[in-house]
Amino acid sequence: MKLKYFAWVRERIGKAEEIVEPPAEVRTVGELIGWLAARDDGYAHAFEKPAVIRAAIDHAHVKSDAVISGAREIAFFPPMTGG
């Protein structure tokens, strides 16, 4: 699946997007965040506060308990403020 990173999530990881194949036991957005955070220090820093990370699966905003099976694209971004 394709992962896309935005704003400071992208800056901390050091890339805008990548293709990953998480293990079968990673079933939800929250589990995916945990799996990514364990990859290296950049991911750990980007996902150090998973409660503030927002996610979208195939362009639809989802919560951390959303199932990732069948997702073509998952995007991660920090909370946004309007102005």
PDB file of N, CA and C in Angstrom:
ATOM      1  N   MET A   1       0.841  -1.174   0.000  1.00  0.00           N
ATOM      2  CA  MET A   1       0.000   0.000   0.000  1.00  0.00           C
ATOM      3  C   MET A   1       0.884   1.235   0.000  1.00  0.00           C
ATOM      4  N   LYS A   2       0.342   2.303  -0.536  1.00  0.00           N
ATOM      5  CA  LYS A   2       1.077   3.560  -0.591  1.00  0.00           C
ATOM      6  C   LYS A   2       0.752   4.364   0.661  1.00  0.00           C
ATOM      7  N   LEU A   3       1.799   4.892   1.291  1.00  0.00           N
ATOM      8  CA  LEU A   3       1.636   5.793   2.422  1.00  0.00           C
ATOM      9  C   LEU A   3       2.096   7.170   1.996  1.00  0.00           C
ATOM     10  N   LYS A   4       1.340   8.189   2.393  1.00  0.00           N
ATOM     11  CA  LYS A   4       1.705   9.572   2.102  1.00  0.00           C
ATOM     12  C   LYS A   4       1.801  10.314   3.419  1.00  0.00           C
ATOM     13  N   TYR A   5       2.798  11.188   3.519  1.00  0.00           N
ATOM     14  CA  TYR A   5       3.049  11.948   4.741  1.00  0.00           C
ATOM     15  C   TYR A   5       3.001  13.438   4.425  1.00  0.00           C
ATOM     16  N   PHE A   6       2.388  14.209   5.326  1.00  0.00           N
ATOM     17  CA  PHE A   6       2.224  15.637   5.104  1.00  0.00           C
ATOM     18  C   PHE A   6       2.753  16.456   6.273  1.00  0.00           C
ATOM     19  N   ALA A   7       3.146  17.697   5.969  1.00  0.00           N
ATOM     20  CA  ALA A   7       3.590  18.698   6.937  1.00  0.00           C
ATOM     21  C   ALA A   7       4.739  18.158   7.800  1.00  0.00           C
ATOM     22  N   TRP A   8       4.671  18.359   9.109  1.00  0.00           N
ATOM     23  CA  TRP A   8       5.806  17.933   9.941  1.00  0.00           C
ATOM     24  C   TRP A   8       5.949  16.421  10.032  1.00  0.00           C
ATOM     25  N   VAL A   9       4.930  15.651   9.729  1.00  0.00           N
ATOM     26  CA  VAL A   9       5.092  14.185   9.680  1.00  0.00           C
ATOM     27  C   VAL A   9       6.097  13.861   8.573  1.00  0.00           C
ATOM     28  N   ARG A  10       5.924  14.465   7.417  1.00  0.00           N
ATOM     29  CA  ARG A  10       6.839  14.266   6.282  1.00  0.00           C
ATOM     30  C   ARG A  10       8.252  14.738   6.641  1.00  0.00           C
ATOM     31  N   GLU A  11       8.350  15.894   7.270  1.00  0.00           N
ATOM     32  CA  GLU A  11       9.667  16.431   7.622  1.00  0.00           C
ATOM     33  C   GLU A  11      10.417  15.516   8.578  1.00  0.00           C
ATOM     34  N   ARG A  12       9.723  14.952   9.547  1.00  0.00           N
ATOM     35  CA  ARG A  12      10.374  14.095  10.541  1.00  0.00           C
ATOM     36  C   ARG A  12      10.775  12.743   9.952  1.00  0.00           C
ATOM     37  N   ILE A  13       9.979  12.237   9.018  1.00  0.00           N
ATOM     38  CA  ILE A  13      10.303  10.949   8.391  1.00  0.00           C
ATOM     39  C   ILE A  13      11.343  11.133   7.293  1.00  0.00           C
ATOM     40  N   GLY A  14      11.275  12.265   6.605  1.00  0.00           N
ATOM     41  CA  GLY A  14      12.248  12.546   5.559  1.00  0.00           C
ATOM     42  C   GLY A  14      11.819  12.123   4.173  1.00  0.00           C
ATOM     43  N   LYS A  15      10.528  11.833   4.009  1.00  0.00           N
ATOM     44  CA  LYS A  15      10.012  11.482   2.684  1.00  0.00           C
ATOM     45  C   LYS A  15       8.531  11.806   2.618  1.00  0.00           C
ATOM     46  N   ALA A  16       8.054  12.050   1.411  1.00  0.00           N
ATOM     47  CA  ALA A  16       6.652  12.412   1.206  1.00  0.00           C
ATOM     48  C   ALA A  16       5.747  11.202   1.061  1.00  0.00           C
ATOM     49  N   GLU A  17       6.304  10.100   0.541  1.00  0.00           N
ATOM     50  CA  GLU A  17       5.491   8.901   0.350  1.00  0.00           C
ATOM     51  C   GLU A  17       6.394   7.677   0.198  1.00  0.00           C
ATOM     52  N   GLU A  18       5.784   6.526   0.347  1.00  0.00           N
ATOM     53  CA  GLU A  18       6.492   5.268   0.174  1.00  0.00           C
ATOM     54  C   GLU A  18       5.485   4.143   0.018  1.00  0.00           C
ATOM     55  N   ILE A  19       5.965   3.028  -0.479  1.00  0.00           N
ATOM     56  CA  ILE A  19       5.165   1.812  -0.594  1.00  0.00           C
ATOM     57  C   ILE A  19       5.628   0.869   0.519  1.00  0.00           C
ATOM     58  N   VAL A  20       4.687   0.343   1.292  1.00  0.00           N
ATOM     59  CA  VAL A  20       5.027  -0.591   2.377  1.00  0.00           C
ATOM     60  C   VAL A  20       4.119  -1.812   2.315  1.00  0.00           C
ATOM     61  N   GLU A  21       4.593  -2.874   2.917  1.00  0.00           N
ATOM     62  CA  GLU A  21       3.798  -4.086   3.093  1.00  0.00           C
ATOM     63  C   GLU A  21       3.872  -4.467   4.567  1.00  0.00           C
ATOM     64  N   PRO A  22       2.968  -3.915   5.386  1.00  0.00           N
ATOM     65  CA  PRO A  22       3.010  -4.239   6.812  1.00  0.00           C
ATOM     66  C   PRO A  22       2.674  -5.711   7.043  1.00  0.00           C
ATOM     67  N   PRO A  23       3.137  -6.259   8.151  1.00  0.00           N
ATOM     68  CA  PRO A  23       2.824  -7.663   8.457  1.00  0.00           C
ATOM     69  C   PRO A  23       1.318  -7.868   8.648  1.00  0.00           C
ATOM     70  N   ALA A  24       0.884  -9.092   8.506  1.00  0.00           N
ATOM     71  CA  ALA A  24      -0.544  -9.427   8.569  1.00  0.00           C
ATOM     72  C   ALA A  24      -1.192  -9.028   9.883  1.00  0.00           C
ATOM     73  N   GLU A  25      -0.435  -9.029  10.972  1.00  0.00           N
ATOM     74  CA  GLU A  25      -1.033  -8.680  12.267  1.00  0.00           C
ATOM     75  C   GLU A  25      -1.321  -7.183  12.418  1.00  0.00           C
ATOM     76  N   VAL A  26      -0.841  -6.367  11.490  1.00  0.00           N
ATOM     77  CA  VAL A  26      -1.140  -4.933  11.496  1.00  0.00           C
ATOM     78  C   VAL A  26      -2.446  -4.747  10.734  1.00  0.00           C
ATOM     79  N   ARG A  27      -3.526  -4.519  11.472  1.00  0.00           N
ATOM     80  CA  ARG A  27      -4.863  -4.504  10.857  1.00  0.00           C
ATOM     81  C   ARG A  27      -5.557  -3.141  10.858  1.00  0.00           C
ATOM     82  N   THR A  28      -5.119  -2.229  11.728  1.00  0.00           N
ATOM     83  CA  THR A  28      -5.800  -0.937  11.843  1.00  0.00           C
ATOM     84  C   THR A  28      -4.808   0.208  11.640  1.00  0.00           C
ATOM     85  N   VAL A  29      -5.346   1.394  11.480  1.00  0.00           N
ATOM     86  CA  VAL A  29      -4.501   2.582  11.350  1.00  0.00           C
ATOM     87  C   VAL A  29      -3.617   2.727  12.589  1.00  0.00           C
ATOM     88  N   GLY A  30      -4.181   2.539  13.769  1.00  0.00           N
ATOM     89  CA  GLY A  30      -3.401   2.659  14.998  1.00  0.00           C
ATOM     90  C   GLY A  30      -2.264   1.651  15.060  1.00  0.00           C
ATOM     91  N   GLU A  31      -2.529   0.425  14.652  1.00  0.00           N
ATOM     92  CA  GLU A  31      -1.480  -0.599  14.622  1.00  0.00           C
ATOM     93  C   GLU A  31      -0.424  -0.261  13.576  1.00  0.00           C
ATOM     94  N   LEU A  32      -0.846   0.316  12.460  1.00  0.00           N
ATOM     95  CA  LEU A  32       0.095   0.734  11.429  1.00  0.00           C
ATOM     96  C   LEU A  32       1.005   1.833  11.965  1.00  0.00           C
ATOM     97  N   ILE A  33       0.447   2.780  12.675  1.00  0.00           N
ATOM     98  CA  ILE A  33       1.258   3.839  13.280  1.00  0.00           C
ATOM     99  C   ILE A  33       2.286   3.235  14.233  1.00  0.00           C
ATOM    100  N   GLY A  34       1.863   2.287  15.061  1.00  0.00           N
ATOM    101  CA  GLY A  34       2.791   1.632  15.973  1.00  0.00           C
ATOM    102  C   GLY A  34       3.895   0.892  15.241  1.00  0.00           C
ATOM    103  N   TRP A  35       3.536   0.192  14.176  1.00  0.00           N
ATOM    104  CA  TRP A  35       4.517  -0.534  13.373  1.00  0.00           C
ATOM    105  C   TRP A  35       5.513   0.431  12.723  1.00  0.00           C
ATOM    106  N   LEU A  36       4.992   1.529  12.177  1.00  0.00           N
ATOM    107  CA  LEU A  36       5.869   2.522  11.567  1.00  0.00           C
ATOM    108  C   LEU A  36       6.803   3.139  12.605  1.00  0.00           C
ATOM    109  N   ALA A  37       6.274   3.474  13.771  1.00  0.00           N
ATOM    110  CA  ALA A  37       7.076   4.114  14.821  1.00  0.00           C
ATOM    111  C   ALA A  37       8.248   3.244  15.252  1.00  0.00           C
ATOM    112  N   ALA A  38       8.108   1.933  15.116  1.00  0.00           N
ATOM    113  CA  ALA A  38       9.175   1.017  15.509  1.00  0.00           C
ATOM    114  C   ALA A  38      10.259   0.866  14.435  1.00  0.00           C
ATOM    115  N   ARG A  39      10.056   1.446  13.268  1.00  0.00           N
ATOM    116  CA  ARG A  39      11.002   1.261  12.160  1.00  0.00           C
ATOM    117  C   ARG A  39      12.342   1.943  12.401  1.00  0.00           C
ATOM    118  N   ASP A  40      12.314   3.205  12.813  1.00  0.00           N
ATOM    119  CA  ASP A  40      13.562   3.919  13.119  1.00  0.00           C
ATOM    120  C   ASP A  40      13.235   5.218  13.859  1.00  0.00           C
ATOM    121  N   ASP A  41      14.273   5.961  14.195  1.00  0.00           N
ATOM    122  CA  ASP A  41      14.088   7.170  15.009  1.00  0.00           C
ATOM    123  C   ASP A  41      13.237   8.237  14.329  1.00  0.00           C
ATOM    124  N   GLY A  42      13.358   8.377  13.007  1.00  0.00           N
ATOM    125  CA  GLY A  42      12.556   9.374  12.290  1.00  0.00           C
ATOM    126  C   GLY A  42      11.070   9.071  12.389  1.00  0.00           C
ATOM    127  N   TYR A  43      10.703   7.820  12.184  1.00  0.00           N
ATOM    128  CA  TYR A  43       9.303   7.419  12.314  1.00  0.00           C
ATOM    129  C   TYR A  43       8.851   7.541  13.763  1.00  0.00           C
ATOM    130  N   ALA A  44       9.715   7.136  14.689  1.00  0.00           N
ATOM    131  CA  ALA A  44       9.368   7.229  16.112  1.00  0.00           C
ATOM    132  C   ALA A  44       9.083   8.676  16.490  1.00  0.00           C
ATOM    133  N   HIS A  45       9.895   9.607  15.976  1.00  0.00           N
ATOM    134  CA  HIS A  45       9.684  11.026  16.270  1.00  0.00           C
ATOM    135  C   HIS A  45       8.382  11.528  15.629  1.00  0.00           C
ATOM    136  N   ALA A  46       8.128  11.132  14.396  1.00  0.00           N
ATOM    137  CA  ALA A  46       6.915  11.572  13.693  1.00  0.00           C
ATOM    138  C   ALA A  46       5.643  11.075  14.374  1.00  0.00           C
ATOM    139  N   PHE A  47       5.699   9.872  14.921  1.00  0.00           N
ATOM    140  CA  PHE A  47       4.505   9.257  15.504  1.00  0.00           C
ATOM    141  C   PHE A  47       4.577   9.153  17.030  1.00  0.00           C
ATOM    142  N   GLU A  48       5.387  10.028  17.665  1.00  0.00           N
ATOM    143  CA  GLU A  48       5.553   9.958  19.117  1.00  0.00           C
ATOM    144  C   GLU A  48       4.272  10.267  19.883  1.00  0.00           C
ATOM    145  N   LYS A  49       3.366  11.006  19.288  1.00  0.00           N
ATOM    146  CA  LYS A  49       2.064  11.303  19.900  1.00  0.00           C
ATOM    147  C   LYS A  49       0.976  10.858  18.928  1.00  0.00           C
ATOM    148  N   PRO A  50       0.706   9.554  18.878  1.00  0.00           N
ATOM    149  CA  PRO A  50      -0.228   9.043  17.869  1.00  0.00           C
ATOM    150  C   PRO A  50      -1.632   9.641  17.972  1.00  0.00           C
ATOM    151  N   ALA A  51      -2.022  10.113  19.135  1.00  0.00           N
ATOM    152  CA  ALA A  51      -3.371  10.678  19.289  1.00  0.00           C
ATOM    153  C   ALA A  51      -3.568  11.962  18.475  1.00  0.00           C
ATOM    154  N   VAL A  52      -2.484  12.654  18.134  1.00  0.00           N
ATOM    155  CA  VAL A  52      -2.635  13.894  17.363  1.00  0.00           C
ATOM    156  C   VAL A  52      -2.541  13.666  15.857  1.00  0.00           C
ATOM    157  N   ILE A  53      -2.110  12.497  15.450  1.00  0.00           N
ATOM    158  CA  ILE A  53      -1.977  12.200  14.022  1.00  0.00           C
ATOM    159  C   ILE A  53      -3.351  11.933  13.414  1.00  0.00           C
ATOM    160  N   ARG A  54      -3.613  12.547  12.296  1.00  0.00           N
ATOM    161  CA  ARG A  54      -4.848  12.319  11.559  1.00  0.00           C
ATOM    162  C   ARG A  54      -4.519  11.398  10.386  1.00  0.00           C
ATOM    163  N   ALA A  55      -5.501  10.614   9.971  1.00  0.00           N
ATOM    164  CA  ALA A  55      -5.274   9.671   8.863  1.00  0.00           C
ATOM    165  C   ALA A  55      -6.455   9.692   7.904  1.00  0.00           C
ATOM    166  N   ALA A  56      -6.153   9.337   6.670  1.00  0.00           N
ATOM    167  CA  ALA A  56      -7.184   9.169   5.646  1.00  0.00           C
ATOM    168  C   ALA A  56      -6.864   7.908   4.865  1.00  0.00           C
ATOM    169  N   ILE A  57      -7.872   7.110   4.627  1.00  0.00           N
ATOM    170  CA  ILE A  57      -7.733   5.927   3.787  1.00  0.00           C
ATOM    171  C   ILE A  57      -8.457   6.209   2.484  1.00  0.00           C
ATOM    172  N   ASP A  58      -7.722   6.124   1.388  1.00  0.00           N
ATOM    173  CA  ASP A  58      -8.284   6.394   0.060  1.00  0.00           C
ATOM    174  C   ASP A  58      -9.109   7.675   0.050  1.00  0.00           C
ATOM    175  N   HIS A  59      -8.544   8.722   0.643  1.00  0.00           N
ATOM    176  CA  HIS A  59      -9.085  10.085   0.651  1.00  0.00           C
ATOM    177  C   HIS A  59     -10.270  10.304   1.591  1.00  0.00           C
ATOM    178  N   ALA A  60     -10.554   9.363   2.465  1.00  0.00           N
ATOM    179  CA  ALA A  60     -11.629   9.522   3.451  1.00  0.00           C
ATOM    180  C   ALA A  60     -11.019   9.518   4.847  1.00  0.00           C
ATOM    181  N   HIS A  61     -11.308  10.557   5.620  1.00  0.00           N
ATOM    182  CA  HIS A  61     -10.781  10.641   6.982  1.00  0.00           C
ATOM    183  C   HIS A  61     -11.293   9.475   7.821  1.00  0.00           C
ATOM    184  N   VAL A  62     -10.393   8.903   8.621  1.00  0.00           N
ATOM    185  CA  VAL A  62     -10.738   7.743   9.446  1.00  0.00           C
ATOM    186  C   VAL A  62     -10.148   7.902  10.843  1.00  0.00           C
ATOM    187  N   LYS A  63     -10.650   7.098  11.767  1.00  0.00           N
ATOM    188  CA  LYS A  63     -10.120   7.051  13.123  1.00  0.00           C
ATOM    189  C   LYS A  63      -9.064   5.956  13.211  1.00  0.00           C
ATOM    190  N   SER A  64      -8.374   5.908  14.341  1.00  0.00           N
ATOM    191  CA  SER A  64      -7.260   4.971  14.478  1.00  0.00           C
ATOM    192  C   SER A  64      -7.688   3.506  14.488  1.00  0.00           C
ATOM    193  N   ASP A  65      -8.975   3.245  14.743  1.00  0.00           N
ATOM    194  CA  ASP A  65      -9.430   1.847  14.747  1.00  0.00           C
ATOM    195  C   ASP A  65      -9.922   1.386  13.371  1.00  0.00           C
ATOM    196  N   ALA A  66      -9.766   2.230  12.356  1.00  0.00           N
ATOM    197  CA  ALA A  66     -10.192   1.868  10.997  1.00  0.00           C
ATOM    198  C   ALA A  66      -9.318   0.744  10.450  1.00  0.00           C
ATOM    199  N   VAL A  67      -9.939  -0.211   9.800  1.00  0.00           N
ATOM    200  CA  VAL A  67      -9.240  -1.358   9.223  1.00  0.00           C
ATOM    201  C   VAL A  67      -8.537  -0.927   7.937  1.00  0.00           C
ATOM    202  N   ILE A  68      -7.280  -1.350   7.784  1.00  0.00           N
ATOM    203  CA  ILE A  68      -6.492  -0.946   6.613  1.00  0.00           C
ATOM    204  C   ILE A  68      -6.540  -1.955   5.474  1.00  0.00           C
ATOM    205  N   SER A  69      -7.141  -3.105   5.693  1.00  0.00           N
ATOM    206  CA  SER A  69      -7.214  -4.133   4.654  1.00  0.00           C
ATOM    207  C   SER A  69      -7.888  -3.574   3.408  1.00  0.00           C
ATOM    208  N   GLY A  70      -7.261  -3.755   2.272  1.00  0.00           N
ATOM    209  CA  GLY A  70      -7.813  -3.299   1.003  1.00  0.00           C
ATOM    210  C   GLY A  70      -7.515  -1.850   0.674  1.00  0.00           C
ATOM    211  N   ALA A  71      -6.864  -1.131   1.580  1.00  0.00           N
ATOM    212  CA  ALA A  71      -6.544   0.280   1.319  1.00  0.00           C
ATOM    213  C   ALA A  71      -5.507   0.385   0.208  1.00  0.00           C
ATOM    214  N   ARG A  72      -5.734   1.305  -0.694  1.00  0.00           N
ATOM    215  CA  ARG A  72      -4.730   1.575  -1.731  1.00  0.00           C
ATOM    216  C   ARG A  72      -3.760   2.655  -1.252  1.00  0.00           C
ATOM    217  N   GLU A  73      -4.288   3.624  -0.490  1.00  0.00           N
ATOM    218  CA  GLU A  73      -3.464   4.741  -0.040  1.00  0.00           C
ATOM    219  C   GLU A  73      -3.894   5.158   1.361  1.00  0.00           C
ATOM    220  N   ILE A  74      -2.911   5.378   2.214  1.00  0.00           N
ATOM    221  CA  ILE A  74      -3.172   5.901   3.557  1.00  0.00           C
ATOM    222  C   ILE A  74      -2.306   7.133   3.731  1.00  0.00           C
ATOM    223  N   ALA A  75      -2.934   8.222   4.139  1.00  0.00           N
ATOM    224  CA  ALA A  75      -2.219   9.476   4.344  1.00  0.00           C
ATOM    225  C   ALA A  75      -2.205   9.818   5.824  1.00  0.00           C
ATOM    226  N   PHE A  76      -1.077  10.351   6.280  1.00  0.00           N
ATOM    227  CA  PHE A  76      -0.930  10.775   7.670  1.00  0.00           C
ATOM    228  C   PHE A  76      -0.575  12.260   7.700  1.00  0.00           C
ATOM    229  N   PHE A  77      -1.218  12.981   8.588  1.00  0.00           N
ATOM    230  CA  PHE A  77      -0.962  14.410   8.690  1.00  0.00           C
ATOM    231  C   PHE A  77      -1.276  14.891  10.100  1.00  0.00           C
ATOM    232  N   PRO A  78      -0.666  16.012  10.489  1.00  0.00           N
ATOM    233  CA  PRO A  78      -0.955  16.578  11.803  1.00  0.00           C
ATOM    234  C   PRO A  78      -2.295  17.288  11.785  1.00  0.00           C
ATOM    235  N   PRO A  79      -2.818  17.612  12.959  1.00  0.00           N
ATOM    236  CA  PRO A  79      -4.073  18.382  12.985  1.00  0.00           C
ATOM    237  C   PRO A  79      -3.881  19.716  12.276  1.00  0.00           C
ATOM    238  N   MET A  80      -4.895  20.143  11.592  1.00  0.00           N
ATOM    239  CA  MET A  80      -4.823  21.410  10.867  1.00  0.00           C
ATOM    240  C   MET A  80      -5.696  22.436  11.577  1.00  0.00           C
ATOM    241  N   THR A  81      -5.299  23.673  11.462  1.00  0.00           N
ATOM    242  CA  THR A  81      -6.114  24.760  12.000  1.00  0.00           C
ATOM    243  C   THR A  81      -6.521  25.671  10.869  1.00  0.00           C
ATOM    244  N   GLY A  82      -7.660  26.230  11.002  1.00  0.00           N
ATOM    245  CA  GLY A  82      -8.147  27.143   9.974  1.00  0.00           C
ATOM    246  C   GLY A  82      -7.826  28.573  10.340  1.00  0.00           C
ATOM    247  N   GLY A  83      -8.024  29.444   9.396  1.00  0.00           N
ATOM    248  CA  GLY A  83      -7.723  30.834   9.713  1.00  0.00           C
ATOM    249  C   GLY A  83      -8.254  31.766   8.686  1.00  0.00           C
TER     250      GLY A  83
END
